[in-house]
Amino acid sequence: MKKTIAAAAFAFALFSAGSAQAEITVYTSQSDFAAAVSRIGTDTFDGFNITGTTPSPINRMAGDYSYTASVADTFFGAGSESDQWLSTNFSDDIITFSNFSNSVSAVGGFFFTSDLSGAFAPGSVVLTATDSLGATVTRTIEMSATSSFLGFSTDGLIGSITLASVLSNGPIFPTANNLMLGQVAAVPEPATWAMMLLGFGMVAVASRYRRRSSKVSFS
């Protein structure tokens, strides 16, 4: 009995310690992101103004989800008439995606760079994601393409995503397309798992003593 309880207590301590180590999962494949995330809504930015600037912030929808995009100055609509992208009016501006609907625990999209005219230009971008559990992760897409995908998910909620260009190769502008918001399946908290293990251990102990009691009563 002592060994069983001790093992369960050890499991509780182990899993409780793990609760402080929550991490953000990073996806570099759109298919992997889609396999892990449900109820995905996409903001294609189609209809975004590509002939001038747009004041910041902007409130947008991705399917059923709402969010806000903001920059220090103004937005610039990059891309073409058939495929609009979200970009900035200054190359050193940082796009911040935030104020997501309460249920958003995953964000992904295509992130790359564009030139002064709003056409694609190869360059590197850096993204930083934060969540409601205090986790932060940063990833760089080297020499991005319009097909460069990056996604993030968390057991909590996504707090913000920032997008910036790496200005080592000239005036290039951070650009986003097809921003995807969604939800990941809820994972039981480590403490919940520990309590379950502790419960299983106590059931095992009780069962053992019931068997012993039966043995005595019928001897």
Foldseek 3Di string as FASTA:
>chain_A
DVVLLVVLVVLLVVLVVCLLVWAKDKDFDPVVVPVFFPPKFWDQCQVPDQPDWAADWDWDDGVPKIKIKGKPGTWHWADDNVGIKIWHQFQFIKIKIFPIPQQWFKKKFFKAKDDNSRHGDFFKKKKWWAFPSGYIDIDMDGRGDRPGMMMIGTLHHTGMMMMHTDCPPHRIIIITGTMMTGHGDHDDRSNVVSVVSSVVSVVVVVVVVVVVVVVVVVD
